Amino acid sequence: MSKISSRKAAMFAIVAAVIGAATGAVIGAATGVVHGDGSTIGHDGTRPDWCGEAAEAVLERDPEIRLSLELARTAEERARGLMFREGLEADAGMLFVFEGPVLASFWMRNTLVPLSIAFLSEQGEVVDIQDMEPLSDELHTPPVHYWFALEVNRGWFTEHGVGVGDRLVLCLPQ
């Protein structure tokens, strides 16, 4: 639902074009590794048993806490985000996947649903969480670079006891 600010999106598109769109990148995530093709495997080379078949985020300290994920991997998908949608399932979210560390801003222009956003490190650690108002052009930027941004219904992180320093394992299909 949110959108990266126009200026930052344009800058990111240039950087993404130079870097190349997720070809062969390896991104560490908590107890697994997320490869450029989107697959998730454990450090021993196998997919963790508790990862389901669908894309999901799993709280490392409590694998019962899960979110089904919609993925935004391309610059176009990230720019559109969850805009124009009238709702979001209770335990669902959108994961914005970047090819490397970024410090892009998010806004809520054309976004109808109140959201919370968590910014995640390369290892899946939550580095910042912010609440966002619908239909707002206010920019939301974390204090540090991040590799992933996860948008959920506003209050989901608080309701599930997820805070800065927690780790999420990203279970992503190939």
N, C-alpha and C. Protein backbone atom coordinates (compact mmCIF):
# COMPACT_ATOMS: atom_id res chain seq x y z
N MET A 1 0.81 -1.18 0.00
CA MET A 1 0.00 0.00 0.00
C MET A 1 0.85 1.23 0.00
N SER A 2 1.99 1.15 0.61
CA SER A 2 2.81 2.34 0.60
C SER A 2 3.63 2.37 -0.68
N LYS A 3 4.25 3.48 -0.86
CA LYS A 3 5.05 3.67 -2.07
C LYS A 3 6.32 4.38 -1.67
N ILE A 4 7.41 4.00 -2.30
CA ILE A 4 8.66 4.69 -2.08
C ILE A 4 8.52 6.07 -2.71
N SER A 5 9.05 7.10 -2.07
CA SER A 5 8.92 8.45 -2.61
C SER A 5 9.47 8.51 -4.03
N SER A 6 8.90 9.36 -4.86
CA SER A 6 9.25 9.45 -6.28
C SER A 6 10.75 9.66 -6.49
N ARG A 7 11.32 10.61 -5.78
CA ARG A 7 12.74 10.90 -5.93
C ARG A 7 13.58 9.69 -5.55
N LYS A 8 13.25 9.09 -4.40
CA LYS A 8 14.01 7.93 -3.94
C LYS A 8 13.79 6.74 -4.85
N ALA A 9 12.56 6.56 -5.37
CA ALA A 9 12.28 5.45 -6.28
C ALA A 9 13.10 5.59 -7.55
N ALA A 10 13.21 6.79 -8.07
CA ALA A 10 14.00 7.02 -9.28
C ALA A 10 15.47 6.71 -9.01
N MET A 11 15.96 7.16 -7.85
CA MET A 11 17.35 6.89 -7.49
C MET A 11 17.56 5.39 -7.34
N PHE A 12 16.60 4.71 -6.69
CA PHE A 12 16.73 3.27 -6.51
C PHE A 12 16.71 2.54 -7.84
N ALA A 13 15.86 2.97 -8.77
CA ALA A 13 15.77 2.33 -10.08
C ALA A 13 17.11 2.39 -10.80
N ILE A 14 17.81 3.51 -10.68
CA ILE A 14 19.13 3.65 -11.30
C ILE A 14 20.11 2.69 -10.64
N VAL A 15 20.11 2.67 -9.31
CA VAL A 15 21.01 1.78 -8.58
C VAL A 15 20.69 0.32 -8.92
N ALA A 16 19.40 -0.03 -8.96
CA ALA A 16 19.00 -1.40 -9.26
C ALA A 16 19.46 -1.80 -10.66
N ALA A 17 19.38 -0.87 -11.61
CA ALA A 17 19.80 -1.16 -12.97
C ALA A 17 21.30 -1.43 -13.02
N VAL A 18 22.06 -0.68 -12.23
CA VAL A 18 23.50 -0.88 -12.20
C VAL A 18 23.86 -2.20 -11.53
N ILE A 19 23.23 -2.46 -10.40
CA ILE A 19 23.54 -3.68 -9.64
C ILE A 19 23.03 -4.92 -10.36
N GLY A 20 21.86 -4.80 -11.01
CA GLY A 20 21.22 -5.96 -11.62
C GLY A 20 20.15 -6.46 -10.69
N ALA A 21 19.07 -6.91 -11.23
CA ALA A 21 17.89 -7.25 -10.44
C ALA A 21 18.00 -8.64 -9.85
N ALA A 22 18.48 -8.73 -8.65
CA ALA A 22 18.45 -9.94 -7.82
C ALA A 22 19.04 -11.17 -8.49
N THR A 23 20.06 -11.01 -9.32
CA THR A 23 20.63 -12.17 -9.97
C THR A 23 21.71 -12.77 -9.09
N GLY A 24 21.39 -13.91 -8.51
CA GLY A 24 22.35 -14.66 -7.74
C GLY A 24 22.70 -14.08 -6.39
N ALA A 25 22.03 -13.04 -5.95
CA ALA A 25 22.35 -12.46 -4.65
C ALA A 25 22.02 -13.43 -3.54
N VAL A 26 22.83 -13.46 -2.52
CA VAL A 26 22.56 -14.30 -1.36
C VAL A 26 22.34 -13.37 -0.17
N ILE A 27 21.20 -13.52 0.47
CA ILE A 27 20.83 -12.66 1.59
C ILE A 27 20.61 -13.54 2.79
N GLY A 28 21.35 -13.34 3.90
CA GLY A 28 21.15 -14.14 5.09
C GLY A 28 19.87 -13.75 5.80
N ALA A 29 19.17 -14.73 6.36
CA ALA A 29 17.97 -14.45 7.12
C ALA A 29 17.92 -15.38 8.32
N ALA A 30 18.06 -14.84 9.50
CA ALA A 30 17.95 -15.56 10.77
C ALA A 30 18.56 -16.95 10.69
N THR A 31 17.73 -17.99 10.59
CA THR A 31 18.27 -19.34 10.57
C THR A 31 18.26 -19.93 9.17
N GLY A 32 18.12 -19.10 8.16
CA GLY A 32 18.13 -19.57 6.79
C GLY A 32 18.85 -18.59 5.90
N VAL A 33 18.99 -18.97 4.65
CA VAL A 33 19.62 -18.11 3.67
C VAL A 33 18.64 -17.93 2.53
N VAL A 34 18.39 -16.70 2.14
CA VAL A 34 17.50 -16.41 1.03
C VAL A 34 18.37 -16.15 -0.18
N HIS A 35 18.19 -16.95 -1.24
CA HIS A 35 18.97 -16.80 -2.46
C HIS A 35 18.28 -15.85 -3.42
N GLY A 36 19.02 -15.39 -4.40
CA GLY A 36 18.49 -14.48 -5.40
C GLY A 36 17.26 -15.03 -6.11
N ASP A 37 17.14 -16.35 -6.20
CA ASP A 37 15.97 -16.93 -6.85
C ASP A 37 14.77 -16.97 -5.90
N GLY A 38 14.96 -16.52 -4.65
CA GLY A 38 13.86 -16.44 -3.70
C GLY A 38 13.73 -17.65 -2.80
N SER A 39 14.51 -18.70 -3.04
CA SER A 39 14.38 -19.88 -2.21
C SER A 39 15.00 -19.64 -0.84
N THR A 40 14.52 -20.34 0.16
CA THR A 40 15.06 -20.24 1.51
C THR A 40 15.56 -21.61 1.93
N ILE A 41 16.77 -21.67 2.46
CA ILE A 41 17.29 -22.93 2.97
C ILE A 41 17.92 -22.68 4.32
N GLY A 42 18.02 -23.73 5.12
CA GLY A 42 18.71 -23.61 6.40
C GLY A 42 20.21 -23.58 6.18
N HIS A 43 20.96 -23.32 7.25
CA HIS A 43 22.41 -23.25 7.11
C HIS A 43 23.02 -24.59 6.75
N ASP A 44 22.28 -25.69 6.99
CA ASP A 44 22.79 -27.01 6.63
C ASP A 44 22.45 -27.37 5.19
N GLY A 45 21.86 -26.45 4.42
CA GLY A 45 21.57 -26.68 3.02
C GLY A 45 20.16 -27.19 2.74
N THR A 46 19.35 -27.37 3.80
CA THR A 46 17.99 -27.85 3.60
C THR A 46 17.00 -26.76 4.01
N ARG A 47 15.79 -26.87 3.49
CA ARG A 47 14.74 -25.93 3.86
C ARG A 47 14.27 -26.28 5.27
N PRO A 48 14.19 -25.29 6.19
CA PRO A 48 13.73 -25.60 7.54
C PRO A 48 12.36 -26.27 7.51
N ASP A 49 12.16 -27.31 8.34
CA ASP A 49 10.90 -28.06 8.37
C ASP A 49 9.70 -27.17 8.64
N TRP A 50 9.91 -26.12 9.46
CA TRP A 50 8.79 -25.28 9.84
C TRP A 50 8.44 -24.23 8.80
N CYS A 51 9.21 -24.17 7.71
CA CYS A 51 8.84 -23.28 6.60
C CYS A 51 7.74 -23.96 5.79
N GLY A 52 6.66 -23.25 5.55
CA GLY A 52 5.60 -23.79 4.72
C GLY A 52 5.97 -23.67 3.25
N GLU A 53 5.05 -24.07 2.38
CA GLU A 53 5.28 -24.01 0.93
C GLU A 53 5.11 -22.59 0.40
N ALA A 54 4.23 -21.81 1.02
CA ALA A 54 3.96 -20.45 0.54
C ALA A 54 4.98 -19.48 1.14
N ALA A 55 5.07 -18.29 0.55
CA ALA A 55 5.95 -17.25 1.09
C ALA A 55 5.41 -16.81 2.44
N GLU A 56 6.27 -16.82 3.44
CA GLU A 56 5.86 -16.37 4.77
C GLU A 56 7.05 -15.89 5.58
N ALA A 57 6.74 -15.06 6.58
CA ALA A 57 7.72 -14.61 7.56
C ALA A 57 7.38 -15.31 8.86
N VAL A 58 8.40 -15.85 9.52
CA VAL A 58 8.21 -16.61 10.75
C VAL A 58 9.08 -15.97 11.83
N LEU A 59 8.48 -15.68 12.98
CA LEU A 59 9.24 -15.10 14.10
C LEU A 59 10.18 -16.17 14.64
N GLU A 60 11.47 -15.89 14.64
CA GLU A 60 12.48 -16.88 15.00
C GLU A 60 12.24 -17.46 16.41
N ARG A 61 11.90 -16.62 17.38
CA ARG A 61 11.76 -17.10 18.76
C ARG A 61 10.42 -17.79 19.01
N ASP A 62 9.47 -17.70 18.08
CA ASP A 62 8.17 -18.36 18.21
C ASP A 62 7.62 -18.68 16.82
N PRO A 63 8.00 -19.84 16.25
CA PRO A 63 7.59 -20.19 14.88
C PRO A 63 6.07 -20.30 14.67
N GLU A 64 5.30 -20.21 15.75
CA GLU A 64 3.84 -20.19 15.59
C GLU A 64 3.36 -18.83 15.08
N ILE A 65 4.18 -17.81 15.25
CA ILE A 65 3.81 -16.47 14.79
C ILE A 65 4.33 -16.32 13.36
N ARG A 66 3.35 -16.28 12.42
CA ARG A 66 3.67 -16.27 10.99
C ARG A 66 2.81 -15.26 10.25
N LEU A 67 3.36 -14.78 9.16
CA LEU A 67 2.65 -13.90 8.24
C LEU A 67 2.73 -14.50 6.85
N SER A 68 1.62 -14.58 6.15
CA SER A 68 1.70 -14.93 4.73
C SER A 68 2.14 -13.68 3.99
N LEU A 69 2.98 -13.86 2.99
CA LEU A 69 3.61 -12.72 2.33
C LEU A 69 3.25 -12.63 0.86
N GLU A 70 3.06 -11.40 0.43
CA GLU A 70 3.05 -11.06 -0.97
C GLU A 70 4.39 -10.39 -1.19
N LEU A 71 5.06 -10.71 -2.29
CA LEU A 71 6.41 -10.20 -2.51
C LEU A 71 6.43 -9.06 -3.51
N ALA A 72 7.23 -8.05 -3.21
CA ALA A 72 7.49 -6.94 -4.12
C ALA A 72 8.99 -6.94 -4.38
N ARG A 73 9.38 -7.53 -5.50
CA ARG A 73 10.80 -7.70 -5.81
C ARG A 73 11.32 -6.74 -6.87
N THR A 74 10.46 -6.33 -7.79
CA THR A 74 10.91 -5.43 -8.86
C THR A 74 10.66 -3.98 -8.44
N ALA A 75 11.34 -3.06 -9.12
CA ALA A 75 11.15 -1.64 -8.83
C ALA A 75 9.68 -1.26 -9.02
N GLU A 76 9.05 -1.80 -10.05
CA GLU A 76 7.63 -1.49 -10.31
C GLU A 76 6.74 -2.02 -9.19
N GLU A 77 6.97 -3.26 -8.75
CA GLU A 77 6.18 -3.84 -7.65
C GLU A 77 6.38 -3.05 -6.36
N ARG A 78 7.62 -2.65 -6.10
CA ARG A 78 7.89 -1.88 -4.88
C ARG A 78 7.24 -0.51 -4.95
N ALA A 79 7.24 0.12 -6.12
CA ALA A 79 6.64 1.45 -6.25
C ALA A 79 5.12 1.40 -6.03
N ARG A 80 4.46 0.35 -6.48
CA ARG A 80 3.01 0.24 -6.32
C ARG A 80 2.65 -0.24 -4.92
N GLY A 81 3.42 -1.15 -4.38
CA GLY A 81 3.16 -1.66 -3.03
C GLY A 81 1.73 -2.12 -2.86
N LEU A 82 1.07 -1.67 -1.81
CA LEU A 82 -0.30 -2.06 -1.49
C LEU A 82 -1.30 -0.94 -1.79
N MET A 83 -0.91 -0.04 -2.68
CA MET A 83 -1.80 1.08 -3.00
C MET A 83 -3.12 0.59 -3.60
N PHE A 84 -4.17 1.38 -3.35
CA PHE A 84 -5.51 1.20 -3.90
C PHE A 84 -6.27 -0.01 -3.36
N ARG A 85 -5.70 -0.73 -2.44
CA ARG A 85 -6.40 -1.89 -1.87
C ARG A 85 -7.27 -1.44 -0.72
N GLU A 86 -8.40 -2.13 -0.56
CA GLU A 86 -9.34 -1.76 0.50
C GLU A 86 -9.13 -2.54 1.79
N GLY A 87 -8.27 -3.52 1.77
CA GLY A 87 -8.04 -4.30 2.97
C GLY A 87 -6.84 -5.21 2.83
N LEU A 88 -6.47 -5.81 3.95
CA LEU A 88 -5.35 -6.74 4.02
C LEU A 88 -5.75 -7.80 5.04
N GLU A 89 -5.55 -9.07 4.71
CA GLU A 89 -5.88 -10.14 5.65
C GLU A 89 -5.15 -9.93 6.98
N ALA A 90 -5.72 -10.47 8.06
CA ALA A 90 -5.18 -10.24 9.41
C ALA A 90 -3.72 -10.64 9.57
N ASP A 91 -3.33 -11.80 9.07
CA ASP A 91 -1.96 -12.28 9.21
C ASP A 91 -1.25 -12.33 7.86
N ALA A 92 -1.36 -11.23 7.13
CA ALA A 92 -0.73 -11.12 5.82
C ALA A 92 0.05 -9.82 5.75
N GLY A 93 0.99 -9.77 4.84
CA GLY A 93 1.76 -8.56 4.64
C GLY A 93 2.44 -8.56 3.29
N MET A 94 3.08 -7.46 2.99
CA MET A 94 3.87 -7.36 1.76
C MET A 94 5.32 -7.17 2.15
N LEU A 95 6.18 -8.02 1.59
CA LEU A 95 7.61 -7.94 1.82
C LEU A 95 8.27 -7.27 0.61
N PHE A 96 8.92 -6.14 0.86
CA PHE A 96 9.67 -5.43 -0.16
C PHE A 96 11.10 -5.95 -0.11
N VAL A 97 11.54 -6.58 -1.19
CA VAL A 97 12.85 -7.21 -1.26
C VAL A 97 13.78 -6.33 -2.09
N PHE A 98 14.91 -5.95 -1.52
CA PHE A 98 15.89 -5.13 -2.21
C PHE A 98 17.14 -5.96 -2.49
N GLU A 99 17.92 -5.56 -3.48
CA GLU A 99 19.11 -6.31 -3.88
C GLU A 99 20.31 -6.06 -2.97
N GLY A 100 20.21 -5.08 -2.13
CA GLY A 100 21.29 -4.72 -1.22
C GLY A 100 20.77 -3.73 -0.21
N PRO A 101 21.64 -3.25 0.67
CA PRO A 101 21.18 -2.31 1.70
C PRO A 101 20.73 -0.98 1.07
N VAL A 102 19.58 -0.49 1.54
CA VAL A 102 19.02 0.77 1.05
C VAL A 102 18.58 1.63 2.23
N LEU A 103 18.33 2.88 1.94
CA LEU A 103 17.77 3.80 2.94
C LEU A 103 16.66 4.59 2.24
N ALA A 104 15.76 3.87 1.58
CA ALA A 104 14.65 4.48 0.86
C ALA A 104 13.52 4.80 1.82
N SER A 105 12.74 5.81 1.47
CA SER A 105 11.59 6.22 2.28
C SER A 105 10.31 5.62 1.73
N PHE A 106 9.35 5.38 2.60
CA PHE A 106 8.02 4.90 2.21
C PHE A 106 7.01 5.97 2.55
N TRP A 107 5.91 6.00 1.79
CA TRP A 107 4.79 6.89 2.08
C TRP A 107 3.51 6.13 1.87
N MET A 108 2.39 6.78 2.14
CA MET A 108 1.09 6.11 2.07
C MET A 108 0.17 6.74 1.02
N ARG A 109 0.71 7.44 0.05
CA ARG A 109 -0.10 8.03 -1.01
C ARG A 109 -0.90 6.92 -1.69
N ASN A 110 -2.19 7.16 -1.86
CA ASN A 110 -3.11 6.21 -2.51
C ASN A 110 -3.24 4.88 -1.75
N THR A 111 -2.86 4.87 -0.50
CA THR A 111 -2.96 3.68 0.33
C THR A 111 -4.12 3.88 1.31
N LEU A 112 -5.09 2.98 1.26
CA LEU A 112 -6.33 3.16 1.99
C LEU A 112 -6.34 2.54 3.38
N VAL A 113 -5.44 1.62 3.64
CA VAL A 113 -5.44 0.84 4.88
C VAL A 113 -4.32 1.32 5.80
N PRO A 114 -4.58 1.55 7.09
CA PRO A 114 -3.50 1.92 8.02
C PRO A 114 -2.52 0.75 8.18
N LEU A 115 -1.25 1.07 8.12
CA LEU A 115 -0.22 0.03 8.14
C LEU A 115 0.85 0.31 9.18
N SER A 116 1.56 -0.76 9.55
CA SER A 116 2.83 -0.67 10.26
C SER A 116 3.88 -1.22 9.31
N ILE A 117 5.08 -0.66 9.40
CA ILE A 117 6.17 -1.15 8.55
C ILE A 117 7.36 -1.48 9.43
N ALA A 118 7.94 -2.65 9.18
CA ALA A 118 9.18 -3.05 9.86
C ALA A 118 10.28 -3.06 8.82
N PHE A 119 11.41 -2.49 9.17
CA PHE A 119 12.58 -2.51 8.31
C PHE A 119 13.51 -3.59 8.85
N LEU A 120 13.99 -4.47 7.96
CA LEU A 120 14.76 -5.64 8.37
C LEU A 120 16.17 -5.61 7.80
N SER A 121 17.11 -6.08 8.60
CA SER A 121 18.50 -6.19 8.16
C SER A 121 18.66 -7.38 7.22
N GLU A 122 19.85 -7.54 6.72
CA GLU A 122 20.19 -8.68 5.86
C GLU A 122 19.91 -10.01 6.56
N GLN A 123 20.08 -10.04 7.88
CA GLN A 123 19.86 -11.25 8.67
C GLN A 123 18.42 -11.42 9.14
N GLY A 124 17.52 -10.52 8.74
CA GLY A 124 16.12 -10.61 9.14
C GLY A 124 15.84 -9.95 10.49
N GLU A 125 16.80 -9.22 11.04
CA GLU A 125 16.59 -8.53 12.31
C GLU A 125 15.79 -7.26 12.10
N VAL A 126 14.78 -7.06 12.94
CA VAL A 126 13.97 -5.85 12.88
C VAL A 126 14.83 -4.69 13.39
N VAL A 127 15.06 -3.68 12.53
CA VAL A 127 15.89 -2.54 12.91
C VAL A 127 15.05 -1.30 13.22
N ASP A 128 13.77 -1.31 12.79
CA ASP A 128 12.87 -0.19 13.08
C ASP A 128 11.45 -0.61 12.73
N ILE A 129 10.49 -0.06 13.47
CA ILE A 129 9.07 -0.25 13.17
C ILE A 129 8.40 1.11 13.25
N GLN A 130 7.55 1.41 12.27
CA GLN A 130 6.83 2.69 12.26
C GLN A 130 5.38 2.43 11.87
N ASP A 131 4.47 3.23 12.43
CA ASP A 131 3.07 3.20 12.04
C ASP A 131 2.84 4.27 10.99
N MET A 132 1.97 3.97 10.02
CA MET A 132 1.74 4.88 8.91
C MET A 132 0.25 5.14 8.73
N GLU A 133 -0.09 6.40 8.47
CA GLU A 133 -1.47 6.84 8.28
C GLU A 133 -1.88 6.70 6.81
N PRO A 134 -3.09 6.23 6.54
CA PRO A 134 -3.56 6.13 5.15
C PRO A 134 -3.56 7.49 4.45
N LEU A 135 -3.32 7.44 3.15
CA LEU A 135 -3.43 8.60 2.27
C LEU A 135 -2.52 9.76 2.67
N SER A 136 -1.39 9.46 3.26
CA SER A 136 -0.45 10.48 3.73
C SER A 136 0.81 10.48 2.86
N ASP A 137 1.35 11.66 2.63
CA ASP A 137 2.62 11.80 1.92
C ASP A 137 3.81 11.91 2.88
N GLU A 138 3.54 11.75 4.18
CA GLU A 138 4.63 11.77 5.15
C GLU A 138 5.61 10.64 4.83
N LEU A 139 6.90 10.97 4.83
CA LEU A 139 7.92 9.98 4.53
C LEU A 139 8.30 9.21 5.79
N HIS A 140 8.45 7.90 5.63
CA HIS A 140 8.85 7.02 6.72
C HIS A 140 10.20 6.41 6.33
N THR A 141 11.22 6.81 7.07
CA THR A 141 12.59 6.39 6.79
C THR A 141 13.20 5.87 8.09
N PRO A 142 13.77 4.68 8.07
CA PRO A 142 14.41 4.18 9.30
C PRO A 142 15.75 4.88 9.54
N PRO A 143 16.30 4.74 10.74
CA PRO A 143 17.56 5.41 11.05
C PRO A 143 18.79 4.71 10.45
N VAL A 144 18.63 3.50 9.93
CA VAL A 144 19.77 2.74 9.37
C VAL A 144 19.35 2.10 8.05
N HIS A 145 20.34 1.68 7.28
CA HIS A 145 20.07 0.96 6.04
C HIS A 145 19.39 -0.36 6.34
N TYR A 146 18.64 -0.88 5.38
CA TYR A 146 17.92 -2.14 5.54
C TYR A 146 17.91 -2.89 4.21
N TRP A 147 17.57 -4.17 4.26
CA TRP A 147 17.49 -5.01 3.06
C TRP A 147 16.04 -5.35 2.69
N PHE A 148 15.16 -5.35 3.68
CA PHE A 148 13.75 -5.71 3.48
C PHE A 148 12.87 -4.72 4.23
N ALA A 149 11.67 -4.50 3.71
CA ALA A 149 10.65 -3.75 4.44
C ALA A 149 9.40 -4.62 4.43
N LEU A 150 8.73 -4.70 5.57
CA LEU A 150 7.55 -5.55 5.71
C LEU A 150 6.37 -4.72 6.19
N GLU A 151 5.36 -4.59 5.32
CA GLU A 151 4.15 -3.85 5.67
C GLU A 151 3.05 -4.82 6.09
N VAL A 152 2.40 -4.48 7.20
CA VAL A 152 1.30 -5.28 7.75
C VAL A 152 0.21 -4.34 8.24
N ASN A 153 -0.94 -4.89 8.60
CA ASN A 153 -1.98 -4.06 9.21
C ASN A 153 -1.41 -3.36 10.44
N ARG A 154 -1.78 -2.08 10.61
CA ARG A 154 -1.25 -1.31 11.73
C ARG A 154 -1.57 -2.01 13.04
N GLY A 155 -0.55 -2.14 13.88
CA GLY A 155 -0.70 -2.77 15.18
C GLY A 155 -0.32 -4.24 15.23
N TRP A 156 -0.11 -4.88 14.08
CA TRP A 156 0.19 -6.32 14.06
C TRP A 156 1.45 -6.62 14.86
N PHE A 157 2.50 -5.85 14.68
CA PHE A 157 3.76 -6.12 15.39
C PHE A 157 3.55 -6.01 16.90
N THR A 158 2.86 -4.97 17.35
CA THR A 158 2.59 -4.79 18.78
C THR A 158 1.74 -5.94 19.31
N GLU A 159 0.69 -6.29 18.60
CA GLU A 159 -0.21 -7.37 19.03
C GLU A 159 0.52 -8.71 19.18
N HIS A 160 1.58 -8.92 18.40
CA HIS A 160 2.31 -10.19 18.44
C HIS A 160 3.64 -10.08 19.18
N GLY A 161 3.87 -8.96 19.85
CA GLY A 161 5.08 -8.80 20.65
C GLY A 161 6.36 -8.73 19.84
N VAL A 162 6.26 -8.29 18.60
CA VAL A 162 7.44 -8.19 17.73
C VAL A 162 8.00 -6.78 17.85
N GLY A 163 9.31 -6.70 18.15
CA GLY A 163 9.93 -5.40 18.31
C GLY A 163 11.31 -5.34 17.70
N VAL A 164 11.93 -4.18 17.80
CA VAL A 164 13.29 -4.00 17.32
C VAL A 164 14.19 -5.01 18.01
N GLY A 165 15.04 -5.67 17.22
CA GLY A 165 15.94 -6.70 17.75
C GLY A 165 15.43 -8.11 17.51
N ASP A 166 14.12 -8.28 17.31
CA ASP A 166 13.60 -9.61 16.97
C ASP A 166 14.07 -9.97 15.56
N ARG A 167 14.08 -11.27 15.30
CA ARG A 167 14.47 -11.75 13.98
C ARG A 167 13.32 -12.49 13.32
N LEU A 168 13.16 -12.24 12.03
CA LEU A 168 12.17 -12.96 11.23
C LEU A 168 12.90 -13.84 10.23
N VAL A 169 12.46 -15.08 10.10
CA VAL A 169 12.96 -15.97 9.07
C VAL A 169 12.03 -15.81 7.88
N LEU A 170 12.59 -15.56 6.72
CA LEU A 170 11.79 -15.36 5.53
C LEU A 170 11.78 -16.65 4.71
N CYS A 171 10.65 -17.31 4.70
CA CYS A 171 10.47 -18.55 3.95
C CYS A 171 9.87 -18.20 2.59
N LEU A 172 10.69 -18.26 1.56
CA LEU A 172 10.25 -17.82 0.24
C LEU A 172 10.40 -18.97 -0.74
N PRO A 173 9.36 -19.22 -1.54
CA PRO A 173 9.44 -20.30 -2.53
C PRO A 173 10.37 -19.93 -3.67
N GLN A 174 10.81 -20.95 -4.40
CA GLN A 174 11.66 -20.70 -5.56
C GLN A 174 10.86 -20.13 -6.70
